[in-house]
Amino acid sequence: MEIYCLYGVGIPTERSYVYKLSLSNRCKSIPFQIDSSADESGDSCLKREVYFVDGDESVPVLSAGFMCAKGWRGRTRFNPSGIATYIREFRHKPPASFLEGRGLESGAHVDIMGNGALIEDVLRVAAGATGAELGGDKIYSDIVRMSERINIRL
């Protein structure tokens, strides 16, 4: 048995927001609102009031890949048998023209289901190929470095 994480990368993806205290009496149960006055001010990840990171347009890379990069890798409490784990990232390439539809090399959250390389990996694994036969990890993001910085009991 092997564990695979297959996901898209290369698209700015919402990660967090800038909030401020709400002065409105309308929403007393929610004392915060998004601070629309927040701007980049030197932080290239902040666009208006939203922080963006690498991801698939819906899920940040850290959320998609952490468990394969660290949580399940090796013998951990989440993988006590030490089952081999493989990260297979698919870098987003937008369609060249409108006629191409959603794109055969899309890394976008839903459109990745039409990504030819992902379909090939899934079919090869279903036919019995191992992660090593697929070529092992295919990583374009900083998922390994990011995961190493997270201190959690595994």
N, C-alpha and C. Protein backbone atom coordinates (compact mmCIF):
# COMPACT_ATOMS: atom_id res chain seq x y z
N MET A 1 0.84 -1.17 0.00
CA MET A 1 0.00 0.00 0.00
C MET A 1 0.89 1.24 0.00
N GLU A 2 0.42 2.29 -0.64
CA GLU A 2 1.11 3.57 -0.67
C GLU A 2 0.08 4.69 -0.53
N ILE A 3 0.57 5.85 -0.11
CA ILE A 3 -0.29 7.01 0.06
C ILE A 3 0.14 8.06 -0.95
N TYR A 4 -0.84 8.65 -1.64
CA TYR A 4 -0.55 9.67 -2.64
C TYR A 4 -1.32 10.95 -2.31
N CYS A 5 -0.65 12.08 -2.50
CA CYS A 5 -1.31 13.38 -2.45
C CYS A 5 -1.13 14.00 -3.83
N LEU A 6 -2.19 14.18 -4.54
CA LEU A 6 -2.16 14.76 -5.88
C LEU A 6 -2.97 16.04 -5.85
N TYR A 7 -2.34 17.17 -6.19
CA TYR A 7 -3.03 18.45 -6.11
C TYR A 7 -2.35 19.48 -6.99
N GLY A 8 -3.08 20.54 -7.28
CA GLY A 8 -2.58 21.61 -8.14
C GLY A 8 -1.86 22.69 -7.35
N VAL A 9 -0.92 23.36 -8.04
CA VAL A 9 -0.17 24.48 -7.47
C VAL A 9 -0.01 25.55 -8.54
N GLY A 10 0.41 26.73 -8.09
CA GLY A 10 0.73 27.78 -9.04
C GLY A 10 -0.35 28.80 -9.28
N ILE A 11 -1.38 28.80 -8.44
CA ILE A 11 -2.46 29.78 -8.58
C ILE A 11 -2.59 30.53 -7.24
N PRO A 12 -2.62 31.86 -7.27
CA PRO A 12 -2.82 32.59 -6.02
C PRO A 12 -4.13 32.13 -5.36
N THR A 13 -4.03 31.82 -4.06
CA THR A 13 -5.15 31.24 -3.32
C THR A 13 -5.32 31.98 -2.00
N GLU A 14 -6.55 32.32 -1.66
CA GLU A 14 -6.82 33.02 -0.41
C GLU A 14 -6.37 32.18 0.78
N ARG A 15 -5.67 32.84 1.71
CA ARG A 15 -5.18 32.14 2.91
C ARG A 15 -5.77 32.75 4.19
N SER A 16 -5.82 34.09 4.25
CA SER A 16 -6.35 34.74 5.44
C SER A 16 -6.78 36.16 5.09
N TYR A 17 -7.41 36.80 6.04
CA TYR A 17 -7.98 38.12 5.83
C TYR A 17 -7.54 39.08 6.93
N VAL A 18 -7.63 40.36 6.66
CA VAL A 18 -7.35 41.39 7.67
C VAL A 18 -8.68 41.86 8.22
N TYR A 19 -8.83 41.78 9.53
CA TYR A 19 -10.07 42.17 10.18
C TYR A 19 -9.89 43.41 11.05
N LYS A 20 -11.00 44.05 11.37
CA LYS A 20 -11.01 45.15 12.34
C LYS A 20 -12.29 45.01 13.15
N LEU A 21 -12.32 45.68 14.30
CA LEU A 21 -13.53 45.66 15.12
C LEU A 21 -14.67 46.35 14.39
N SER A 22 -15.83 45.76 14.45
CA SER A 22 -17.01 46.33 13.81
C SER A 22 -17.68 47.31 14.75
N LEU A 23 -17.98 48.47 14.22
CA LEU A 23 -18.67 49.48 15.01
C LEU A 23 -20.18 49.42 14.81
N SER A 24 -20.61 48.53 13.95
CA SER A 24 -22.03 48.41 13.64
C SER A 24 -22.77 47.67 14.75
N ASN A 25 -23.99 48.07 15.03
CA ASN A 25 -24.82 47.38 16.01
C ASN A 25 -25.62 46.25 15.37
N ARG A 26 -25.59 46.18 14.04
CA ARG A 26 -26.36 45.16 13.33
C ARG A 26 -25.89 43.75 13.66
N CYS A 27 -24.60 43.56 13.77
CA CYS A 27 -24.04 42.21 13.93
C CYS A 27 -23.33 42.09 15.27
N LYS A 28 -24.07 42.18 16.35
CA LYS A 28 -23.46 42.14 17.68
C LYS A 28 -22.80 40.79 17.95
N SER A 29 -23.30 39.72 17.33
CA SER A 29 -22.71 38.40 17.59
C SER A 29 -21.37 38.22 16.87
N ILE A 30 -21.10 39.06 15.87
CA ILE A 30 -19.83 39.00 15.15
C ILE A 30 -19.17 40.37 15.26
N PRO A 31 -18.24 40.51 16.20
CA PRO A 31 -17.69 41.84 16.46
C PRO A 31 -16.60 42.30 15.47
N PHE A 32 -16.37 41.53 14.41
CA PHE A 32 -15.32 41.88 13.46
C PHE A 32 -15.88 42.02 12.06
N GLN A 33 -15.18 42.79 11.25
CA GLN A 33 -15.50 42.88 9.83
C GLN A 33 -14.19 42.95 9.06
N ILE A 34 -14.25 42.61 7.79
CA ILE A 34 -13.04 42.67 6.96
C ILE A 34 -12.63 44.13 6.81
N ASP A 35 -11.35 44.38 7.00
CA ASP A 35 -10.81 45.74 6.92
C ASP A 35 -10.46 46.05 5.47
N SER A 36 -11.39 46.68 4.77
CA SER A 36 -11.18 46.98 3.34
C SER A 36 -10.17 48.09 3.12
N SER A 37 -9.68 48.72 4.18
CA SER A 37 -8.66 49.76 4.03
C SER A 37 -7.25 49.16 4.03
N ALA A 38 -7.12 47.87 4.38
CA ALA A 38 -5.80 47.23 4.39
C ALA A 38 -5.30 47.12 2.96
N ASP A 39 -4.04 47.50 2.76
CA ASP A 39 -3.46 47.40 1.42
C ASP A 39 -2.09 46.76 1.51
N GLU A 40 -1.46 46.64 0.36
CA GLU A 40 -0.20 45.91 0.27
C GLU A 40 0.89 46.43 1.19
N SER A 41 1.11 47.70 1.23
CA SER A 41 2.14 48.35 2.06
C SER A 41 3.41 47.51 2.19
N GLY A 42 3.94 47.08 1.06
CA GLY A 42 5.20 46.35 1.05
C GLY A 42 5.07 44.84 1.14
N ASP A 43 3.89 44.32 1.42
CA ASP A 43 3.70 42.87 1.53
C ASP A 43 3.08 42.37 0.23
N SER A 44 3.88 41.67 -0.57
CA SER A 44 3.40 41.24 -1.89
C SER A 44 2.31 40.18 -1.80
N CYS A 45 2.14 39.55 -0.64
CA CYS A 45 1.09 38.53 -0.49
C CYS A 45 -0.27 39.13 -0.17
N LEU A 46 -0.27 40.39 0.28
CA LEU A 46 -1.52 41.05 0.66
C LEU A 46 -2.06 41.84 -0.52
N LYS A 47 -3.25 41.46 -0.97
CA LYS A 47 -3.95 42.18 -2.04
C LYS A 47 -5.26 42.65 -1.44
N ARG A 48 -5.36 43.99 -1.31
CA ARG A 48 -6.48 44.62 -0.60
C ARG A 48 -6.52 44.04 0.80
N GLU A 49 -7.55 43.38 1.20
CA GLU A 49 -7.64 42.87 2.58
C GLU A 49 -7.43 41.37 2.69
N VAL A 50 -6.92 40.74 1.63
CA VAL A 50 -6.77 39.29 1.58
C VAL A 50 -5.31 38.91 1.38
N TYR A 51 -4.84 37.95 2.17
CA TYR A 51 -3.50 37.39 1.98
C TYR A 51 -3.62 36.19 1.05
N PHE A 52 -2.77 36.18 0.02
CA PHE A 52 -2.76 35.09 -0.95
C PHE A 52 -1.46 34.30 -0.82
N VAL A 53 -1.57 32.99 -1.07
CA VAL A 53 -0.41 32.09 -1.09
C VAL A 53 -0.55 31.17 -2.29
N ASP A 54 0.45 30.34 -2.52
CA ASP A 54 0.41 29.36 -3.59
C ASP A 54 -0.65 28.31 -3.28
N GLY A 55 -1.37 27.88 -4.30
CA GLY A 55 -2.39 26.85 -4.12
C GLY A 55 -3.07 26.52 -5.43
N ASP A 56 -4.30 26.01 -5.31
CA ASP A 56 -5.05 25.60 -6.50
C ASP A 56 -6.26 26.50 -6.73
N GLU A 57 -6.25 27.68 -6.19
CA GLU A 57 -7.32 28.68 -6.27
C GLU A 57 -8.36 28.49 -5.18
N SER A 58 -8.45 27.32 -4.58
CA SER A 58 -9.38 27.06 -3.49
C SER A 58 -8.66 26.60 -2.22
N VAL A 59 -7.65 25.76 -2.37
CA VAL A 59 -6.94 25.17 -1.23
C VAL A 59 -5.47 25.56 -1.27
N PRO A 60 -4.96 26.18 -0.19
CA PRO A 60 -3.53 26.51 -0.14
C PRO A 60 -2.66 25.25 -0.16
N VAL A 61 -1.45 25.37 -0.69
CA VAL A 61 -0.52 24.25 -0.78
C VAL A 61 -0.33 23.60 0.59
N LEU A 62 -0.19 24.40 1.63
CA LEU A 62 0.05 23.84 2.96
C LEU A 62 -1.08 22.92 3.40
N SER A 63 -2.30 23.29 3.11
CA SER A 63 -3.45 22.44 3.46
C SER A 63 -3.49 21.19 2.61
N ALA A 64 -3.15 21.31 1.35
CA ALA A 64 -3.22 20.16 0.44
C ALA A 64 -2.09 19.17 0.67
N GLY A 65 -0.89 19.65 1.02
CA GLY A 65 0.26 18.77 1.03
C GLY A 65 0.92 18.47 2.36
N PHE A 66 0.50 19.12 3.45
CA PHE A 66 1.20 18.94 4.72
C PHE A 66 1.26 17.48 5.17
N MET A 67 0.16 16.78 5.11
CA MET A 67 0.15 15.41 5.63
C MET A 67 1.08 14.50 4.83
N CYS A 68 1.14 14.64 3.52
CA CYS A 68 2.07 13.82 2.75
C CYS A 68 3.51 14.25 2.97
N ALA A 69 3.73 15.55 3.17
CA ALA A 69 5.09 16.05 3.34
C ALA A 69 5.64 15.75 4.73
N LYS A 70 4.77 15.70 5.74
CA LYS A 70 5.27 15.50 7.10
C LYS A 70 4.40 14.57 7.94
N GLY A 71 3.10 14.76 7.93
CA GLY A 71 2.22 14.01 8.82
C GLY A 71 2.21 12.51 8.60
N TRP A 72 2.29 12.08 7.35
CA TRP A 72 2.29 10.64 7.04
C TRP A 72 3.67 10.14 6.63
N ARG A 73 4.62 11.02 6.41
CA ARG A 73 5.93 10.62 5.89
C ARG A 73 6.73 9.93 6.99
N GLY A 74 7.21 8.73 6.71
CA GLY A 74 7.96 7.95 7.70
C GLY A 74 7.02 7.34 8.73
N ARG A 75 7.59 6.89 9.82
CA ARG A 75 6.78 6.32 10.90
C ARG A 75 6.33 7.44 11.83
N THR A 76 5.04 7.71 11.82
CA THR A 76 4.47 8.74 12.70
C THR A 76 3.24 8.14 13.36
N ARG A 77 2.67 8.86 14.29
CA ARG A 77 1.44 8.34 14.92
C ARG A 77 0.30 8.28 13.92
N PHE A 78 0.40 9.04 12.81
CA PHE A 78 -0.64 9.01 11.78
C PHE A 78 -0.32 7.97 10.69
N ASN A 79 0.87 7.40 10.73
CA ASN A 79 1.30 6.38 9.78
C ASN A 79 2.21 5.41 10.53
N PRO A 80 1.66 4.66 11.49
CA PRO A 80 2.50 3.82 12.34
C PRO A 80 3.25 2.72 11.59
N SER A 81 2.79 2.31 10.45
CA SER A 81 3.48 1.28 9.67
C SER A 81 4.53 1.87 8.75
N GLY A 82 4.60 3.18 8.63
CA GLY A 82 5.60 3.81 7.77
C GLY A 82 5.34 3.57 6.30
N ILE A 83 4.08 3.55 5.90
CA ILE A 83 3.72 3.35 4.49
C ILE A 83 4.32 4.49 3.66
N ALA A 84 4.84 4.15 2.50
CA ALA A 84 5.46 5.14 1.61
C ALA A 84 4.43 6.17 1.17
N THR A 85 4.83 7.44 1.18
CA THR A 85 3.95 8.53 0.74
C THR A 85 4.60 9.27 -0.41
N TYR A 86 3.77 9.71 -1.33
CA TYR A 86 4.25 10.42 -2.52
C TYR A 86 3.44 11.68 -2.74
N ILE A 87 4.17 12.75 -3.01
CA ILE A 87 3.55 14.02 -3.36
C ILE A 87 3.67 14.19 -4.87
N ARG A 88 2.55 14.41 -5.52
CA ARG A 88 2.53 14.63 -6.96
C ARG A 88 1.80 15.95 -7.20
N GLU A 89 2.56 17.02 -7.38
CA GLU A 89 1.97 18.33 -7.63
C GLU A 89 1.85 18.56 -9.13
N PHE A 90 0.80 19.29 -9.50
CA PHE A 90 0.55 19.61 -10.90
C PHE A 90 0.51 21.12 -11.04
N ARG A 91 1.56 21.65 -11.67
CA ARG A 91 1.69 23.09 -11.82
C ARG A 91 0.65 23.59 -12.83
N HIS A 92 -0.09 24.59 -12.42
CA HIS A 92 -1.15 25.14 -13.26
C HIS A 92 -0.59 25.79 -14.52
N LYS A 93 -1.17 25.44 -15.62
CA LYS A 93 -0.88 26.10 -16.89
C LYS A 93 -2.23 26.45 -17.51
N PRO A 94 -2.54 27.75 -17.59
CA PRO A 94 -3.85 28.12 -18.12
C PRO A 94 -3.98 27.71 -19.58
N PRO A 95 -5.22 27.54 -20.04
CA PRO A 95 -5.42 27.16 -21.45
C PRO A 95 -4.86 28.24 -22.37
N ALA A 96 -4.32 27.80 -23.50
CA ALA A 96 -3.73 28.73 -24.47
C ALA A 96 -4.78 29.57 -25.18
N SER A 97 -5.97 29.01 -25.32
CA SER A 97 -7.04 29.75 -25.99
C SER A 97 -8.38 29.33 -25.43
N PHE A 98 -9.39 30.11 -25.75
CA PHE A 98 -10.76 29.81 -25.31
C PHE A 98 -11.22 28.45 -25.84
N LEU A 99 -10.71 28.06 -26.99
CA LEU A 99 -11.13 26.81 -27.61
C LEU A 99 -10.63 25.59 -26.84
N GLU A 100 -9.62 25.79 -26.00
CA GLU A 100 -9.07 24.67 -25.23
C GLU A 100 -9.93 24.32 -24.02
N GLY A 101 -10.94 25.12 -23.76
CA GLY A 101 -11.80 24.86 -22.60
C GLY A 101 -11.09 25.17 -21.31
N ARG A 102 -11.18 24.29 -20.34
CA ARG A 102 -10.59 24.53 -19.03
C ARG A 102 -9.11 24.20 -18.99
N GLY A 103 -8.59 23.53 -19.96
CA GLY A 103 -7.16 23.27 -20.03
C GLY A 103 -6.78 21.87 -19.63
N LEU A 104 -5.93 21.27 -20.44
CA LEU A 104 -5.45 19.91 -20.17
C LEU A 104 -4.31 19.89 -19.16
N GLU A 105 -3.81 21.08 -18.79
CA GLU A 105 -2.73 21.17 -17.82
C GLU A 105 -3.12 22.07 -16.65
N SER A 106 -4.39 22.14 -16.38
CA SER A 106 -4.89 23.00 -15.31
C SER A 106 -4.54 22.40 -13.94
N GLY A 107 -4.21 23.28 -13.02
CA GLY A 107 -3.99 22.87 -11.64
C GLY A 107 -5.09 23.42 -10.74
N ALA A 108 -6.10 24.03 -11.36
CA ALA A 108 -7.20 24.62 -10.59
C ALA A 108 -8.01 23.53 -9.89
N HIS A 109 -8.58 23.88 -8.76
CA HIS A 109 -9.21 22.94 -7.84
C HIS A 109 -10.12 21.90 -8.50
N VAL A 110 -11.04 22.30 -9.31
CA VAL A 110 -11.95 21.36 -9.97
C VAL A 110 -11.43 20.96 -11.35
N ASP A 111 -10.88 21.93 -12.07
CA ASP A 111 -10.42 21.67 -13.44
C ASP A 111 -9.29 20.66 -13.50
N ILE A 112 -8.60 20.42 -12.39
CA ILE A 112 -7.50 19.47 -12.38
C ILE A 112 -7.97 18.06 -12.75
N MET A 113 -9.27 17.82 -12.60
CA MET A 113 -9.79 16.49 -12.98
C MET A 113 -9.68 16.23 -14.47
N GLY A 114 -9.44 17.29 -15.25
CA GLY A 114 -9.21 17.13 -16.69
C GLY A 114 -7.74 17.23 -17.05
N ASN A 115 -6.85 17.31 -16.06
CA ASN A 115 -5.41 17.41 -16.30
C ASN A 115 -4.89 16.05 -16.77
N GLY A 116 -4.31 16.04 -17.97
CA GLY A 116 -3.85 14.78 -18.56
C GLY A 116 -2.82 14.05 -17.71
N ALA A 117 -1.89 14.79 -17.09
CA ALA A 117 -0.86 14.16 -16.27
C ALA A 117 -1.45 13.54 -15.01
N LEU A 118 -2.43 14.21 -14.40
CA LEU A 118 -3.09 13.65 -13.22
C LEU A 118 -3.85 12.38 -13.59
N ILE A 119 -4.58 12.44 -14.68
CA ILE A 119 -5.33 11.26 -15.13
C ILE A 119 -4.38 10.10 -15.39
N GLU A 120 -3.24 10.38 -16.01
CA GLU A 120 -2.25 9.33 -16.26
C GLU A 120 -1.74 8.73 -14.96
N ASP A 121 -1.42 9.58 -13.97
CA ASP A 121 -0.95 9.06 -12.68
C ASP A 121 -2.01 8.17 -12.03
N VAL A 122 -3.24 8.62 -12.01
CA VAL A 122 -4.32 7.84 -11.39
C VAL A 122 -4.49 6.50 -12.09
N LEU A 123 -4.49 6.52 -13.42
CA LEU A 123 -4.65 5.26 -14.17
C LEU A 123 -3.48 4.31 -13.95
N ARG A 124 -2.27 4.85 -13.90
CA ARG A 124 -1.10 4.00 -13.68
C ARG A 124 -1.13 3.37 -12.29
N VAL A 125 -1.51 4.14 -11.27
CA VAL A 125 -1.60 3.59 -9.92
C VAL A 125 -2.71 2.54 -9.87
N ALA A 126 -3.85 2.83 -10.48
CA ALA A 126 -4.95 1.86 -10.51
C ALA A 126 -4.55 0.58 -11.22
N ALA A 127 -3.64 0.67 -12.18
CA ALA A 127 -3.18 -0.51 -12.93
C ALA A 127 -2.04 -1.23 -12.21
N GLY A 128 -1.60 -0.70 -11.05
CA GLY A 128 -0.60 -1.41 -10.27
C GLY A 128 0.77 -0.77 -10.18
N ALA A 129 0.96 0.38 -10.80
CA ALA A 129 2.27 1.04 -10.73
C ALA A 129 2.53 1.53 -9.31
N THR A 130 3.80 1.55 -8.92
CA THR A 130 4.18 2.06 -7.61
C THR A 130 4.55 3.54 -7.74
N GLY A 131 4.67 4.19 -6.61
CA GLY A 131 5.10 5.58 -6.61
C GLY A 131 6.48 5.75 -7.23
N ALA A 132 7.35 4.79 -6.99
CA ALA A 132 8.69 4.84 -7.57
C ALA A 132 8.61 4.74 -9.10
N GLU A 133 7.70 3.91 -9.59
CA GLU A 133 7.54 3.77 -11.04
C GLU A 133 6.94 5.03 -11.67
N LEU A 134 6.20 5.79 -10.89
CA LEU A 134 5.67 7.07 -11.38
C LEU A 134 6.77 8.12 -11.46
N GLY A 135 7.86 7.89 -10.77
CA GLY A 135 8.95 8.85 -10.73
C GLY A 135 9.12 9.48 -9.36
N GLY A 136 8.45 8.93 -8.35
CA GLY A 136 8.56 9.45 -6.99
C GLY A 136 7.83 10.77 -6.83
N ASP A 137 8.32 11.57 -5.92
CA ASP A 137 7.72 12.88 -5.68
C ASP A 137 7.92 13.79 -6.88
N LYS A 138 6.92 14.61 -7.14
CA LYS A 138 7.02 15.67 -8.16
C LYS A 138 6.53 16.93 -7.47
N ILE A 139 7.48 17.75 -7.00
CA ILE A 139 7.15 18.89 -6.16
C ILE A 139 7.65 20.18 -6.82
N TYR A 140 6.73 21.14 -6.97
CA TYR A 140 7.07 22.46 -7.52
C TYR A 140 7.00 23.54 -6.44
N SER A 141 6.28 23.30 -5.37
CA SER A 141 6.06 24.30 -4.34
C SER A 141 7.12 24.18 -3.24
N ASP A 142 6.96 24.96 -2.18
CA ASP A 142 7.82 24.91 -1.01
C ASP A 142 7.22 24.04 0.10
N ILE A 143 6.40 23.07 -0.25
CA ILE A 143 5.66 22.31 0.76
C ILE A 143 6.58 21.62 1.76
N VAL A 144 7.71 21.11 1.34
CA VAL A 144 8.60 20.41 2.26
C VAL A 144 9.19 21.40 3.26
N ARG A 145 9.69 22.52 2.79
CA ARG A 145 10.27 23.53 3.67
C ARG A 145 9.21 24.08 4.63
N MET A 146 8.02 24.35 4.12
CA MET A 146 6.94 24.87 4.98
C MET A 146 6.57 23.85 6.06
N SER A 147 6.48 22.58 5.68
CA SER A 147 6.10 21.53 6.62
C SER A 147 7.15 21.33 7.70
N GLU A 148 8.42 21.46 7.34
CA GLU A 148 9.49 21.32 8.32
C GLU A 148 9.41 22.39 9.40
N ARG A 149 8.88 23.55 9.06
CA ARG A 149 8.80 24.66 10.03
C ARG A 149 7.66 24.50 11.02
N ILE A 150 6.76 23.55 10.77
CA ILE A 150 5.62 23.33 11.67
C ILE A 150 6.02 22.33 12.75
N ASN A 151 5.92 22.77 13.99
CA ASN A 151 6.30 21.94 15.12
C ASN A 151 5.05 21.32 15.73
N ILE A 152 4.78 20.08 15.37
CA ILE A 152 3.61 19.37 15.88
C ILE A 152 4.02 17.95 16.22
N ARG A 153 3.46 17.39 17.27
CA ARG A 153 3.82 16.04 17.67
C ARG A 153 3.27 15.03 16.65
N LEU A 154 4.19 14.32 16.02
CA LEU A 154 3.81 13.32 15.03
C LEU A 154 4.23 11.95 15.52
